[in-house]
């Protein structure tokens, strides 16, 4: 009998095989054995100031006053930002802030709500 590998994301032992895919019922992660061998499913994970993993669509709160370049405006502490989008780069959060418009933020200055 073939041994089914543990889930590469949550290390669950309850994974099962469905065709050419392996599926984890605990975290609902799907992978093929080839993709698991190639990169071991190491994705770029973006975390907030407390270490919580951020995902697209999350709601966050700003943890310190942020000056806006080229303006005298400031995004105040406690400003809630809904429906974020994660992007690659130094400023890894793309969002719209009420009263300011489209903006990019660094994950080190926000916390997940």
C-alpha atoms as a PDB file:
ATOM      1  CA  UNK A   1       0.000   0.000   0.000  1.00  0.00           C
ATOM      2  CA  UNK A   2       1.329   3.475  -0.935  1.00  0.00           C
ATOM      3  CA  UNK A   3       1.986   5.781   1.966  1.00  0.00           C
ATOM      4  CA  UNK A   4       0.246   9.160   1.699  1.00  0.00           C
ATOM      5  CA  UNK A   5       2.463  12.102   2.784  1.00  0.00           C
ATOM      6  CA  UNK A   6       1.505  14.523   5.537  1.00  0.00           C
ATOM      7  CA  UNK A   7       0.124  17.908   4.481  1.00  0.00           C
ATOM      8  CA  UNK A   8       2.983  20.353   3.662  1.00  0.00           C
ATOM      9  CA  UNK A   9       1.017  23.306   5.106  1.00  0.00           C
ATOM     10  CA  UNK A  10      -0.395  22.024   8.410  1.00  0.00           C
ATOM     11  CA  UNK A  11       1.441  18.670   8.715  1.00  0.00           C
ATOM     12  CA  UNK A  12      -1.856  16.789   9.119  1.00  0.00           C
ATOM     13  CA  UNK A  13      -1.616  13.017   8.863  1.00  0.00           C
ATOM     14  CA  UNK A  14      -5.211  12.698   7.586  1.00  0.00           C
ATOM     15  CA  UNK A  15      -4.450  13.521   3.946  1.00  0.00           C
ATOM     16  CA  UNK A  16      -5.898  11.398   1.173  1.00  0.00           C
ATOM     17  CA  UNK A  17      -5.292  10.851  -2.518  1.00  0.00           C
ATOM     18  CA  UNK A  18      -7.840  11.870  -5.174  1.00  0.00           C
ATOM     19  CA  UNK A  19      -6.612  11.071  -8.675  1.00  0.00           C
ATOM     20  CA  UNK A  20      -3.239  12.785  -9.038  1.00  0.00           C
ATOM     21  CA  UNK A  21      -3.905  15.199  -6.141  1.00  0.00           C
ATOM     22  CA  UNK A  22      -3.324  14.878  -2.418  1.00  0.00           C
ATOM     23  CA  UNK A  23      -5.932  16.653  -0.276  1.00  0.00           C
ATOM     24  CA  UNK A  24      -5.838  17.710   3.364  1.00  0.00           C
ATOM     25  CA  UNK A  25      -9.294  17.687   5.018  1.00  0.00           C
ATOM     26  CA  UNK A  26      -8.122  19.897   7.897  1.00  0.00           C
ATOM     27  CA  UNK A  27      -6.754  22.941   6.026  1.00  0.00           C
ATOM     28  CA  UNK A  28      -8.269  22.110   2.593  1.00  0.00           C
ATOM     29  CA  UNK A  29      -4.871  22.310   0.893  1.00  0.00           C
ATOM     30  CA  UNK A  30      -4.417  20.452  -2.406  1.00  0.00           C
ATOM     31  CA  UNK A  31      -1.090  19.536  -3.999  1.00  0.00           C
ATOM     32  CA  UNK A  32       0.552  17.078  -6.357  1.00  0.00           C
ATOM     33  CA  UNK A  33       3.532  15.034  -5.320  1.00  0.00           C
ATOM     34  CA  UNK A  34       5.633  16.783  -8.011  1.00  0.00           C
ATOM     35  CA  UNK A  35       4.851  20.280  -6.718  1.00  0.00           C
ATOM     36  CA  UNK A  36       5.619  19.176  -3.168  1.00  0.00           C
ATOM     37  CA  UNK A  37       9.052  17.901  -4.209  1.00  0.00           C
ATOM     38  CA  UNK A  38       9.946  20.953  -6.323  1.00  0.00           C
ATOM     39  CA  UNK A  39       9.387  23.812  -3.913  1.00  0.00           C
ATOM     40  CA  UNK A  40       7.945  22.210  -0.774  1.00  0.00           C
ATOM     41  CA  UNK A  41       5.039  24.668  -1.034  1.00  0.00           C
ATOM     42  CA  UNK A  42       7.052  27.532   0.465  1.00  0.00           C
ATOM     43  CA  UNK A  43       4.985  30.566  -0.465  1.00  0.00           C
ATOM     44  CA  UNK A  44       5.835  34.124   0.445  1.00  0.00           C
ATOM     45  CA  UNK A  45       3.807  34.658   3.608  1.00  0.00           C
ATOM     46  CA  UNK A  46       2.957  38.206   4.662  1.00  0.00           C
ATOM     47  CA  UNK A  47       2.398  38.736   8.379  1.00  0.00           C
ATOM     48  CA  UNK A  48       1.154  41.674  10.421  1.00  0.00           C
ATOM     49  CA  UNK A  49       3.002  43.208  13.374  1.00  0.00           C
ATOM     50  CA  UNK A  50       1.724  40.447  15.717  1.00  0.00           C
ATOM     51  CA  UNK A  51       2.731  37.610  13.397  1.00  0.00           C
ATOM     52  CA  UNK A  52      -0.759  36.824  12.083  1.00  0.00           C
ATOM     53  CA  UNK A  53      -0.845  35.677   8.449  1.00  0.00           C
ATOM     54  CA  UNK A  54      -2.566  38.196   6.158  1.00  0.00           C
ATOM     55  CA  UNK A  55      -4.702  37.175   3.180  1.00  0.00           C
ATOM     56  CA  UNK A  56      -6.444  39.031   0.369  1.00  0.00           C
ATOM     57  CA  UNK A  57      -9.744  40.485   1.573  1.00  0.00           C
ATOM     58  CA  UNK A  58      -8.728  40.795   5.248  1.00  0.00           C
ATOM     59  CA  UNK A  59      -9.545  43.814   7.393  1.00  0.00           C
ATOM     60  CA  UNK A  60      -6.621  45.508   9.143  1.00  0.00           C
ATOM     61  CA  UNK A  61      -6.018  48.394  11.534  1.00  0.00           C
ATOM     62  CA  UNK A  62      -3.151  50.910  11.321  1.00  0.00           C
ATOM     63  CA  UNK A  63      -1.002  50.793  14.496  1.00  0.00           C
ATOM     64  CA  UNK A  64       0.845  54.127  14.189  1.00  0.00           C
ATOM     65  CA  UNK A  65       0.365  57.509  12.532  1.00  0.00           C
ATOM     66  CA  UNK A  66       1.550  57.267   8.926  1.00  0.00           C
ATOM     67  CA  UNK A  67       2.635  60.416   7.097  1.00  0.00           C
ATOM     68  CA  UNK A  68       1.653  60.528   3.437  1.00  0.00           C
ATOM     69  CA  UNK A  69       4.466  61.529   1.095  1.00  0.00           C
ATOM     70  CA  UNK A  70       3.825  64.769  -0.769  1.00  0.00           C
ATOM     71  CA  UNK A  71       1.001  65.770   1.540  1.00  0.00           C
ATOM     72  CA  UNK A  72       0.490  67.175   5.005  1.00  0.00           C
ATOM     73  CA  UNK A  73      -2.145  64.503   5.692  1.00  0.00           C
ATOM     74  CA  UNK A  74      -1.670  61.671   8.164  1.00  0.00           C
ATOM     75  CA  UNK A  75      -3.361  58.271   8.393  1.00  0.00           C
ATOM     76  CA  UNK A  76      -4.217  58.108  12.101  1.00  0.00           C
ATOM     77  CA  UNK A  77      -3.701  55.229  14.523  1.00  0.00           C
ATOM     78  CA  UNK A  78      -6.732  52.931  14.599  1.00  0.00           C
ATOM     79  CA  UNK A  79      -7.807  53.617  11.009  1.00  0.00           C
ATOM     80  CA  UNK A  80      -9.612  50.499   9.813  1.00  0.00           C
ATOM     81  CA  UNK A  81      -8.883  49.314   6.264  1.00  0.00           C
ATOM     82  CA  UNK A  82     -11.178  46.731   4.665  1.00  0.00           C
ATOM     83  CA  UNK A  83     -10.630  44.355   1.757  1.00  0.00           C
ATOM     84  CA  UNK A  84      -6.852  44.531   1.399  1.00  0.00           C
ATOM     85  CA  UNK A  85      -4.896  43.037  -1.492  1.00  0.00           C
ATOM     86  CA  UNK A  86      -1.421  41.578  -1.015  1.00  0.00           C
ATOM     87  CA  UNK A  87       1.294  42.437  -3.540  1.00  0.00           C
ATOM     88  CA  UNK A  88       5.031  41.829  -3.888  1.00  0.00           C
ATOM     89  CA  UNK A  89       7.450  44.578  -2.984  1.00  0.00           C
ATOM     90  CA  UNK A  90       8.510  46.751  -0.074  1.00  0.00           C
ATOM     91  CA  UNK A  91       4.961  48.049   0.478  1.00  0.00           C
ATOM     92  CA  UNK A  92       3.160  44.713   0.420  1.00  0.00           C
ATOM     93  CA  UNK A  93      -0.469  45.788   1.052  1.00  0.00           C
ATOM     94  CA  UNK A  94      -2.569  47.507  -1.611  1.00  0.00           C
ATOM     95  CA  UNK A  95      -5.778  49.095  -0.314  1.00  0.00           C
ATOM     96  CA  UNK A  96      -8.216  51.987  -0.398  1.00  0.00           C
ATOM     97  CA  UNK A  97      -8.517  54.139   2.709  1.00  0.00           C
ATOM     98  CA  UNK A  98     -11.647  56.261   3.151  1.00  0.00           C
ATOM     99  CA  UNK A  99     -10.743  59.926   2.789  1.00  0.00           C
ATOM    100  CA  UNK A 100      -7.328  59.169   1.248  1.00  0.00           C
ATOM    101  CA  UNK A 101      -7.954  56.864  -1.726  1.00  0.00           C
ATOM    102  CA  UNK A 102      -5.688  54.125  -3.086  1.00  0.00           C
ATOM    103  CA  UNK A 103      -2.592  53.515  -1.019  1.00  0.00           C
ATOM    104  CA  UNK A 104       0.172  51.002  -0.382  1.00  0.00           C
ATOM    105  CA  UNK A 105       1.099  50.068   3.177  1.00  0.00           C
ATOM    106  CA  UNK A 106       3.841  48.058   4.840  1.00  0.00           C
ATOM    107  CA  UNK A 107       2.636  45.054   6.813  1.00  0.00           C
ATOM    108  CA  UNK A 108       4.838  46.029   9.767  1.00  0.00           C
ATOM    109  CA  UNK A 109       2.528  48.982  10.517  1.00  0.00           C
ATOM    110  CA  UNK A 110      -0.790  47.105  10.589  1.00  0.00           C
ATOM    111  CA  UNK A 111      -2.545  44.457  12.647  1.00  0.00           C
ATOM    112  CA  UNK A 112      -5.261  42.043  11.578  1.00  0.00           C
ATOM    113  CA  UNK A 113      -8.732  42.669  12.991  1.00  0.00           C
END
